[in-house]
């Protein structure tokens, strides 16, 4: 079933794109969409109980860092909550 699950290592809710059987690996072959957060400039995210706006995103060797409007230091994406975007996995004609 598609939907939200809780990561055992962090306890945070994450949207997973695949169908799960008990203890089975994800089945991407049967998924029509992949759900993941899309951090882009202007996106509204939740940092704790506050709403913040994404200024820009930087990809480094250490990973993805999200910069918020009005903040000097970057924030790790795991600290932010954002409604996941759906990406279609099959090609569609133009």
PDB file of N, CA and C in Angstrom:
ATOM      1  N   UNK A   1       0.847  -1.168   0.000  1.00  0.00           N
ATOM      2  CA  UNK A   1       0.000   0.000   0.000  1.00  0.00           C
ATOM      3  C   UNK A   1       0.893   1.232   0.000  1.00  0.00           C
ATOM      4  N   UNK A   2       0.584   2.224  -0.840  1.00  0.00           N
ATOM      5  CA  UNK A   2       1.322   3.467  -0.864  1.00  0.00           C
ATOM      6  C   UNK A   2       0.916   4.308   0.328  1.00  0.00           C
ATOM      7  N   UNK A   3       1.857   5.050   0.857  1.00  0.00           N
ATOM      8  CA  UNK A   3       1.492   5.933   1.941  1.00  0.00           C
ATOM      9  C   UNK A   3       2.669   6.256   2.826  1.00  0.00           C
ATOM     10  N   UNK A   4       2.349   6.675   4.037  1.00  0.00           N
ATOM     11  CA  UNK A   4       3.363   7.118   4.986  1.00  0.00           C
ATOM     12  C   UNK A   4       3.799   5.971   5.864  1.00  0.00           C
ATOM     13  N   UNK A   5       5.066   5.954   6.212  1.00  0.00           N
ATOM     14  CA  UNK A   5       5.553   5.016   7.198  1.00  0.00           C
ATOM     15  C   UNK A   5       6.550   5.752   8.076  1.00  0.00           C
ATOM     16  N   UNK A   6       6.928   5.158   9.185  1.00  0.00           N
ATOM     17  CA  UNK A   6       7.859   5.787  10.111  1.00  0.00           C
ATOM     18  C   UNK A   6       9.212   5.118   9.998  1.00  0.00           C
ATOM     19  N   UNK A   7      10.253   5.939   9.789  1.00  0.00           N
ATOM     20  CA  UNK A   7      11.609   5.406   9.720  1.00  0.00           C
ATOM     21  C   UNK A   7      12.001   4.920  11.098  1.00  0.00           C
ATOM     22  N   UNK A   8      12.491   3.672  11.207  1.00  0.00           N
ATOM     23  CA  UNK A   8      12.829   3.148  12.528  1.00  0.00           C
ATOM     24  C   UNK A   8      14.029   3.853  13.165  1.00  0.00           C
ATOM     25  N   UNK A   9      14.957   4.378  12.361  1.00  0.00           N
ATOM     26  CA  UNK A   9      16.153   5.000  12.928  1.00  0.00           C
ATOM     27  C   UNK A   9      15.894   6.403  13.458  1.00  0.00           C
ATOM     28  N   UNK A  10      14.958   7.139  12.853  1.00  0.00           N
ATOM     29  CA  UNK A  10      14.699   8.509  13.298  1.00  0.00           C
ATOM     30  C   UNK A  10      13.325   8.694  13.916  1.00  0.00           C
ATOM     31  N   UNK A  11      12.400   7.789  13.620  1.00  0.00           N
ATOM     32  CA  UNK A  11      11.045   7.921  14.131  1.00  0.00           C
ATOM     33  C   UNK A  11      10.216   8.937  13.374  1.00  0.00           C
ATOM     34  N   UNK A  12      10.759   9.474  12.261  1.00  0.00           N
ATOM     35  CA  UNK A  12      10.050  10.483  11.467  1.00  0.00           C
ATOM     36  C   UNK A  12       9.193   9.810  10.416  1.00  0.00           C
ATOM     37  N   UNK A  13       8.074  10.432  10.091  1.00  0.00           N
ATOM     38  CA  UNK A  13       7.203   9.926   9.042  1.00  0.00           C
ATOM     39  C   UNK A  13       7.773  10.239   7.672  1.00  0.00           C
ATOM     40  N   UNK A  14       7.742   9.255   6.780  1.00  0.00           N
ATOM     41  CA  UNK A  14       8.266   9.404   5.429  1.00  0.00           C
ATOM     42  C   UNK A  14       7.276   8.772   4.460  1.00  0.00           C
ATOM     43  N   UNK A  15       7.078   9.406   3.318  1.00  0.00           N
ATOM     44  CA  UNK A  15       6.201   8.861   2.303  1.00  0.00           C
ATOM     45  C   UNK A  15       7.007   7.895   1.446  1.00  0.00           C
ATOM     46  N   UNK A  16       6.544   6.678   1.307  1.00  0.00           N
ATOM     47  CA  UNK A  16       7.275   5.673   0.534  1.00  0.00           C
ATOM     48  C   UNK A  16       6.517   5.341  -0.739  1.00  0.00           C
ATOM     49  N   UNK A  17       7.217   5.227  -1.882  1.00  0.00           N
ATOM     50  CA  UNK A  17       6.574   5.058  -3.171  1.00  0.00           C
ATOM     51  C   UNK A  17       6.168   3.644  -3.517  1.00  0.00           C
ATOM     52  N   UNK A  18       6.584   2.673  -2.757  1.00  0.00           N
ATOM     53  CA  UNK A  18       6.422   1.291  -3.193  1.00  0.00           C
ATOM     54  C   UNK A  18       5.404   0.546  -2.344  1.00  0.00           C
ATOM     55  N   UNK A  19       5.044  -0.601  -2.820  1.00  0.00           N
ATOM     56  CA  UNK A  19       4.147  -1.487  -2.107  1.00  0.00           C
ATOM     57  C   UNK A  19       4.983  -2.386  -1.215  1.00  0.00           C
ATOM     58  N   UNK A  20       4.570  -2.533   0.052  1.00  0.00           N
ATOM     59  CA  UNK A  20       5.329  -3.349   0.977  1.00  0.00           C
ATOM     60  C   UNK A  20       4.533  -4.586   1.380  1.00  0.00           C
ATOM     61  N   UNK A  21       5.197  -5.721   1.368  1.00  0.00           N
ATOM     62  CA  UNK A  21       4.702  -6.912   2.047  1.00  0.00           C
ATOM     63  C   UNK A  21       5.461  -6.950   3.367  1.00  0.00           C
ATOM     64  N   UNK A  22       5.007  -7.716   4.330  1.00  0.00           N
ATOM     65  CA  UNK A  22       5.660  -7.754   5.631  1.00  0.00           C
ATOM     66  C   UNK A  22       7.115  -8.175   5.489  1.00  0.00           C
ATOM     67  N   UNK A  23       8.035  -7.266   5.779  1.00  0.00           N
ATOM     68  CA  UNK A  23       9.456  -7.562   5.731  1.00  0.00           C
ATOM     69  C   UNK A  23      10.053  -7.631   4.333  1.00  0.00           C
ATOM     70  N   UNK A  24       9.305  -7.287   3.303  1.00  0.00           N
ATOM     71  CA  UNK A  24       9.799  -7.392   1.931  1.00  0.00           C
ATOM     72  C   UNK A  24      10.461  -6.098   1.493  1.00  0.00           C
ATOM     73  N   UNK A  25      11.264  -6.193   0.460  1.00  0.00           N
ATOM     74  CA  UNK A  25      11.903  -5.015  -0.129  1.00  0.00           C
ATOM     75  C   UNK A  25      10.878  -4.244  -0.953  1.00  0.00           C
ATOM     76  N   UNK A  26      11.093  -2.956  -1.190  1.00  0.00           N
ATOM     77  CA  UNK A  26      10.157  -2.174  -1.995  1.00  0.00           C
ATOM     78  C   UNK A  26      10.072  -2.685  -3.429  1.00  0.00           C
ATOM     79  N   UNK A  27       8.882  -2.600  -3.998  1.00  0.00           N
ATOM     80  CA  UNK A  27       8.655  -3.064  -5.366  1.00  0.00           C
ATOM     81  C   UNK A  27       8.453  -1.859  -6.271  1.00  0.00           C
ATOM     82  N   UNK A  28       9.530  -1.325  -6.822  1.00  0.00           N
ATOM     83  CA  UNK A  28       9.428  -0.141  -7.667  1.00  0.00           C
ATOM     84  C   UNK A  28       8.813  -0.463  -9.024  1.00  0.00           C
ATOM     85  N   UNK A  29       8.886  -1.723  -9.464  1.00  0.00           N
ATOM     86  CA  UNK A  29       8.347  -2.074 -10.777  1.00  0.00           C
ATOM     87  C   UNK A  29       6.847  -1.810 -10.873  1.00  0.00           C
ATOM     88  N   UNK A  30       6.139  -1.964  -9.762  1.00  0.00           N
ATOM     89  CA  UNK A  30       4.690  -1.810  -9.788  1.00  0.00           C
ATOM     90  C   UNK A  30       4.241  -0.382  -9.459  1.00  0.00           C
ATOM     91  N   UNK A  31       5.184   0.499  -9.091  1.00  0.00           N
ATOM     92  CA  UNK A  31       4.819   1.858  -8.702  1.00  0.00           C
ATOM     93  C   UNK A  31       4.651   2.741  -9.937  1.00  0.00           C
ATOM     94  N   UNK A  32       3.596   3.537  -9.961  1.00  0.00           N
ATOM     95  CA  UNK A  32       3.358   4.463 -11.063  1.00  0.00           C
ATOM     96  C   UNK A  32       3.970   5.834 -10.763  1.00  0.00           C
ATOM     97  N   UNK A  33       4.110   6.153  -9.473  1.00  0.00           N
ATOM     98  CA  UNK A  33       4.646   7.444  -9.058  1.00  0.00           C
ATOM     99  C   UNK A  33       5.677   7.230  -7.958  1.00  0.00           C
ATOM    100  N   UNK A  34       6.618   8.148  -7.877  1.00  0.00           N
ATOM    101  CA  UNK A  34       7.594   8.158  -6.796  1.00  0.00           C
ATOM    102  C   UNK A  34       7.351   9.427  -6.002  1.00  0.00           C
ATOM    103  N   UNK A  35       7.215   9.314  -4.691  1.00  0.00           N
ATOM    104  CA  UNK A  35       6.902  10.453  -3.837  1.00  0.00           C
ATOM    105  C   UNK A  35       8.132  10.843  -3.030  1.00  0.00           C
ATOM    106  N   UNK A  36       8.528  12.100  -3.134  1.00  0.00           N
ATOM    107  CA  UNK A  36       9.658  12.596  -2.363  1.00  0.00           C
ATOM    108  C   UNK A  36       9.526  14.108  -2.182  1.00  0.00           C
ATOM    109  N   UNK A  37      10.110  14.650  -1.112  1.00  0.00           N
ATOM    110  CA  UNK A  37      10.041  16.100  -0.937  1.00  0.00           C
ATOM    111  C   UNK A  37      10.910  16.799  -1.980  1.00  0.00           C
ATOM    112  N   UNK A  38      10.427  17.892  -2.514  1.00  0.00           N
ATOM    113  CA  UNK A  38      11.153  18.667  -3.510  1.00  0.00           C
ATOM    114  C   UNK A  38      11.471  20.036  -2.896  1.00  0.00           C
ATOM    115  N   UNK A  39      12.715  20.179  -2.437  1.00  0.00           N
ATOM    116  CA  UNK A  39      13.156  21.432  -1.836  1.00  0.00           C
ATOM    117  C   UNK A  39      13.611  22.358  -2.959  1.00  0.00           C
ATOM    118  N   UNK A  40      12.839  23.388  -3.217  1.00  0.00           N
ATOM    119  CA  UNK A  40      13.201  24.366  -4.243  1.00  0.00           C
ATOM    120  C   UNK A  40      12.913  25.763  -3.702  1.00  0.00           C
ATOM    121  N   UNK A  41      13.568  26.777  -4.290  1.00  0.00           N
ATOM    122  CA  UNK A  41      13.358  28.137  -3.799  1.00  0.00           C
ATOM    123  C   UNK A  41      11.870  28.516  -3.783  1.00  0.00           C
ATOM    124  N   UNK A  42      11.455  29.093  -2.668  1.00  0.00           N
ATOM    125  CA  UNK A  42      10.069  29.517  -2.521  1.00  0.00           C
ATOM    126  C   UNK A  42       9.166  28.488  -1.861  1.00  0.00           C
ATOM    127  N   UNK A  43       9.641  27.253  -1.718  1.00  0.00           N
ATOM    128  CA  UNK A  43       8.820  26.211  -1.082  1.00  0.00           C
ATOM    129  C   UNK A  43       8.650  26.528   0.401  1.00  0.00           C
ATOM    130  N   UNK A  44       7.456  26.313   0.915  1.00  0.00           N
ATOM    131  CA  UNK A  44       7.171  26.526   2.332  1.00  0.00           C
ATOM    132  C   UNK A  44       7.390  25.208   3.064  1.00  0.00           C
ATOM    133  N   UNK A  45       8.248  25.242   4.082  1.00  0.00           N
ATOM    134  CA  UNK A  45       8.573  24.050   4.870  1.00  0.00           C
ATOM    135  C   UNK A  45       8.277  24.343   6.339  1.00  0.00           C
ATOM    136  N   UNK A  46       8.229  23.292   7.140  1.00  0.00           N
ATOM    137  CA  UNK A  46       8.028  23.434   8.580  1.00  0.00           C
ATOM    138  C   UNK A  46       9.306  23.026   9.292  1.00  0.00           C
ATOM    139  N   UNK A  47       9.829  23.935  10.096  1.00  0.00           N
ATOM    140  CA  UNK A  47      10.991  23.678  10.941  1.00  0.00           C
ATOM    141  C   UNK A  47      10.492  23.742  12.371  1.00  0.00           C
ATOM    142  N   UNK A  48      10.282  22.588  12.954  1.00  0.00           N
ATOM    143  CA  UNK A  48       9.621  22.542  14.255  1.00  0.00           C
ATOM    144  C   UNK A  48       8.172  22.942  14.072  1.00  0.00           C
ATOM    145  N   UNK A  49       7.747  23.988  14.789  1.00  0.00           N
ATOM    146  CA  UNK A  49       6.371  24.479  14.656  1.00  0.00           C
ATOM    147  C   UNK A  49       6.295  25.767  13.847  1.00  0.00           C
ATOM    148  N   UNK A  50       7.435  26.174  13.255  1.00  0.00           N
ATOM    149  CA  UNK A  50       7.461  27.414  12.476  1.00  0.00           C
ATOM    150  C   UNK A  50       7.426  27.116  10.985  1.00  0.00           C
ATOM    151  N   UNK A  51       6.760  28.010  10.255  1.00  0.00           N
ATOM    152  CA  UNK A  51       6.767  27.931   8.789  1.00  0.00           C
ATOM    153  C   UNK A  51       7.917  28.777   8.277  1.00  0.00           C
ATOM    154  N   UNK A  52       8.715  28.200   7.391  1.00  0.00           N
ATOM    155  CA  UNK A  52       9.861  28.899   6.809  1.00  0.00           C
ATOM    156  C   UNK A  52       9.791  28.765   5.296  1.00  0.00           C
ATOM    157  N   UNK A  53      10.544  29.603   4.586  1.00  0.00           N
ATOM    158  CA  UNK A  53      10.600  29.563   3.130  1.00  0.00           C
ATOM    159  C   UNK A  53      12.017  29.197   2.697  1.00  0.00           C
ATOM    160  N   UNK A  54      12.124  28.319   1.710  1.00  0.00           N
ATOM    161  CA  UNK A  54      13.429  27.894   1.198  1.00  0.00           C
ATOM    162  C   UNK A  54      14.021  29.014   0.353  1.00  0.00           C
ATOM    163  N   UNK A  55      15.262  29.386   0.655  1.00  0.00           N
ATOM    164  CA  UNK A  55      15.981  30.380  -0.122  1.00  0.00           C
ATOM    165  C   UNK A  55      16.693  29.711  -1.299  1.00  0.00           C
ATOM    166  N   UNK A  56      17.543  28.737  -0.993  1.00  0.00           N
ATOM    167  CA  UNK A  56      18.236  27.975  -2.024  1.00  0.00           C
ATOM    168  C   UNK A  56      18.708  26.650  -1.438  1.00  0.00           C
ATOM    169  N   UNK A  57      19.132  25.755  -2.327  1.00  0.00           N
ATOM    170  CA  UNK A  57      19.570  24.415  -1.935  1.00  0.00           C
ATOM    171  C   UNK A  57      20.965  24.207  -2.482  1.00  0.00           C
ATOM    172  N   UNK A  58      21.835  23.569  -1.681  1.00  0.00           N
ATOM    173  CA  UNK A  58      23.202  23.310  -2.126  1.00  0.00           C
ATOM    174  C   UNK A  58      23.524  21.829  -1.929  1.00  0.00           C
ATOM    175  N   UNK A  59      24.100  21.240  -2.950  1.00  0.00           N
ATOM    176  CA  UNK A  59      24.505  19.835  -2.895  1.00  0.00           C
ATOM    177  C   UNK A  59      26.014  19.788  -2.736  1.00  0.00           C
ATOM    178  N   UNK A  60      26.458  19.159  -1.660  1.00  0.00           N
ATOM    179  CA  UNK A  60      27.892  19.034  -1.376  1.00  0.00           C
ATOM    180  C   UNK A  60      28.220  17.566  -1.156  1.00  0.00           C
ATOM    181  N   UNK A  61      29.502  17.290  -0.985  1.00  0.00           N
ATOM    182  CA  UNK A  61      29.915  15.905  -0.716  1.00  0.00           C
ATOM    183  C   UNK A  61      29.258  15.354   0.532  1.00  0.00           C
ATOM    184  N   UNK A  62      29.045  16.211   1.510  1.00  0.00           N
ATOM    185  CA  UNK A  62      28.436  15.773   2.764  1.00  0.00           C
ATOM    186  C   UNK A  62      26.931  15.586   2.640  1.00  0.00           C
ATOM    187  N   UNK A  63      26.341  16.024   1.538  1.00  0.00           N
ATOM    188  CA  UNK A  63      24.912  15.817   1.340  1.00  0.00           C
ATOM    189  C   UNK A  63      24.183  17.094   0.946  1.00  0.00           C
ATOM    190  N   UNK A  64      22.886  17.010   0.959  1.00  0.00           N
ATOM    191  CA  UNK A  64      22.015  18.114   0.581  1.00  0.00           C
ATOM    192  C   UNK A  64      21.833  19.043   1.776  1.00  0.00           C
ATOM    193  N   UNK A  65      22.008  20.352   1.544  1.00  0.00           N
ATOM    194  CA  UNK A  65      21.779  21.336   2.587  1.00  0.00           C
ATOM    195  C   UNK A  65      20.778  22.358   2.083  1.00  0.00           C
ATOM    196  N   UNK A  66      19.804  22.698   2.920  1.00  0.00           N
ATOM    197  CA  UNK A  66      18.746  23.632   2.557  1.00  0.00           C
ATOM    198  C   UNK A  66      18.957  24.931   3.318  1.00  0.00           C
ATOM    199  N   UNK A  67      18.991  26.029   2.583  1.00  0.00           N
ATOM    200  CA  UNK A  67      19.120  27.354   3.189  1.00  0.00           C
ATOM    201  C   UNK A  67      17.745  27.997   3.230  1.00  0.00           C
ATOM    202  N   UNK A  68      17.403  28.568   4.386  1.00  0.00           N
ATOM    203  CA  UNK A  68      16.097  29.191   4.588  1.00  0.00           C
ATOM    204  C   UNK A  68      16.237  30.707   4.564  1.00  0.00           C
ATOM    205  N   UNK A  69      15.188  31.386   4.141  1.00  0.00           N
ATOM    206  CA  UNK A  69      15.170  32.846   4.098  1.00  0.00           C
ATOM    207  C   UNK A  69      15.345  33.381   5.518  1.00  0.00           C
ATOM    208  N   UNK A  70      16.316  34.288   5.693  1.00  0.00           N
ATOM    209  CA  UNK A  70      16.546  34.895   6.997  1.00  0.00           C
ATOM    210  C   UNK A  70      17.452  34.106   7.917  1.00  0.00           C
ATOM    211  N   UNK A  71      17.991  32.969   7.466  1.00  0.00           N
ATOM    212  CA  UNK A  71      18.888  32.158   8.280  1.00  0.00           C
ATOM    213  C   UNK A  71      20.250  32.092   7.591  1.00  0.00           C
ATOM    214  N   UNK A  72      21.325  32.248   8.355  1.00  0.00           N
ATOM    215  CA  UNK A  72      22.675  32.185   7.808  1.00  0.00           C
ATOM    216  C   UNK A  72      23.140  30.745   7.596  1.00  0.00           C
ATOM    217  N   UNK A  73      22.843  29.890   8.552  1.00  0.00           N
ATOM    218  CA  UNK A  73      23.331  28.508   8.519  1.00  0.00           C
ATOM    219  C   UNK A  73      22.364  27.609   7.746  1.00  0.00           C
ATOM    220  N   UNK A  74      22.899  26.597   7.057  1.00  0.00           N
ATOM    221  CA  UNK A  74      22.022  25.658   6.347  1.00  0.00           C
ATOM    222  C   UNK A  74      21.329  24.709   7.324  1.00  0.00           C
ATOM    223  N   UNK A  75      20.263  24.102   6.850  1.00  0.00           N
ATOM    224  CA  UNK A  75      19.491  23.152   7.652  1.00  0.00           C
ATOM    225  C   UNK A  75      19.499  21.817   6.924  1.00  0.00           C
ATOM    226  N   UNK A  76      19.702  20.739   7.668  1.00  0.00           N
ATOM    227  CA  UNK A  76      19.664  19.404   7.060  1.00  0.00           C
ATOM    228  C   UNK A  76      18.214  19.075   6.693  1.00  0.00           C
ATOM    229  N   UNK A  77      17.981  18.458   5.527  1.00  0.00           N
ATOM    230  CA  UNK A  77      16.605  18.183   5.081  1.00  0.00           C
ATOM    231  C   UNK A  77      15.784  17.324   6.050  1.00  0.00           C
ATOM    232  N   UNK A  78      16.447  16.474   6.836  1.00  0.00           N
ATOM    233  CA  UNK A  78      15.705  15.639   7.792  1.00  0.00           C
ATOM    234  C   UNK A  78      15.051  16.461   8.892  1.00  0.00           C
ATOM    235  N   UNK A  79      15.539  17.675   9.124  1.00  0.00           N
ATOM    236  CA  UNK A  79      14.963  18.538  10.158  1.00  0.00           C
ATOM    237  C   UNK A  79      13.727  19.279   9.659  1.00  0.00           C
ATOM    238  N   UNK A  80      13.465  19.215   8.351  1.00  0.00           N
ATOM    239  CA  UNK A  80      12.354  19.944   7.741  1.00  0.00           C
ATOM    240  C   UNK A  80      11.216  19.013   7.369  1.00  0.00           C
ATOM    241  N   UNK A  81      10.007  19.523   7.413  1.00  0.00           N
ATOM    242  CA  UNK A  81       8.840  18.777   6.962  1.00  0.00           C
ATOM    243  C   UNK A  81       8.270  19.484   5.746  1.00  0.00           C
ATOM    244  N   UNK A  82       8.022  18.690   4.689  1.00  0.00           N
ATOM    245  CA  UNK A  82       7.506  19.219   3.440  1.00  0.00           C
ATOM    246  C   UNK A  82       6.622  18.163   2.802  1.00  0.00           C
ATOM    247  N   UNK A  83       5.478  18.577   2.318  1.00  0.00           N
ATOM    248  CA  UNK A  83       4.578  17.652   1.620  1.00  0.00           C
ATOM    249  C   UNK A  83       5.314  17.081   0.408  1.00  0.00           C
ATOM    250  N   UNK A  84       5.361  15.760   0.256  1.00  0.00           N
ATOM    251  CA  UNK A  84       6.099  15.184  -0.872  1.00  0.00           C
ATOM    252  C   UNK A  84       5.434  15.460  -2.216  1.00  0.00           C
ATOM    253  N   UNK A  85       6.253  15.588  -3.243  1.00  0.00           N
ATOM    254  CA  UNK A  85       5.778  15.755  -4.617  1.00  0.00           C
ATOM    255  C   UNK A  85       5.732  14.397  -5.292  1.00  0.00           C
ATOM    256  N   UNK A  86       4.826  14.230  -6.243  1.00  0.00           N
ATOM    257  CA  UNK A  86       4.694  12.976  -6.977  1.00  0.00           C
ATOM    258  C   UNK A  86       5.401  13.112  -8.322  1.00  0.00           C
ATOM    259  N   UNK A  87       6.257  12.137  -8.624  1.00  0.00           N
ATOM    260  CA  UNK A  87       6.963  12.096  -9.899  1.00  0.00           C
ATOM    261  C   UNK A  87       6.505  10.859 -10.650  1.00  0.00           C
ATOM    262  N   UNK A  88       6.027  11.047 -11.864  1.00  0.00           N
ATOM    263  CA  UNK A  88       5.555   9.928 -12.674  1.00  0.00           C
ATOM    264  C   UNK A  88       6.747   9.126 -13.190  1.00  0.00           C
ATOM    265  N   UNK A  89       6.699   7.799 -13.047  1.00  0.00           N
ATOM    266  CA  UNK A  89       7.818   6.943 -13.400  1.00  0.00           C
ATOM    267  C   UNK A  89       7.791   6.470 -14.848  1.00  0.00           C
ATOM    268  N   UNK A  90       6.672   6.625 -15.532  1.00  0.00           N
ATOM    269  CA  UNK A  90       6.613   6.182 -16.924  1.00  0.00           C
ATOM    270  C   UNK A  90       6.580   7.403 -17.842  1.00  0.00           C
ATOM    271  N   UNK A  91       7.053   7.203 -19.050  1.00  0.00           N
ATOM    272  CA  UNK A  91       7.044   8.297 -20.027  1.00  0.00           C
ATOM    273  C   UNK A  91       5.633   8.516 -20.549  1.00  0.00           C
ATOM    274  N   UNK A  92       5.310   9.774 -20.783  1.00  0.00           N
ATOM    275  CA  UNK A  92       4.011  10.114 -21.350  1.00  0.00           C
ATOM    276  C   UNK A  92       4.247  10.915 -22.632  1.00  0.00           C
ATOM    277  N   UNK A  93       3.449  10.715 -23.672  1.00  0.00           N
ATOM    278  CA  UNK A  93       3.652  11.476 -24.903  1.00  0.00           C
ATOM    279  C   UNK A  93       3.349  12.957 -24.694  1.00  0.00           C
ATOM    280  N   UNK A  94       4.077  13.803 -25.421  1.00  0.00           N
ATOM    281  CA  UNK A  94       3.886  15.254 -25.323  1.00  0.00           C
ATOM    282  C   UNK A  94       2.619  15.696 -26.005  1.00  0.00           C
TER     283      UNK A  94
END
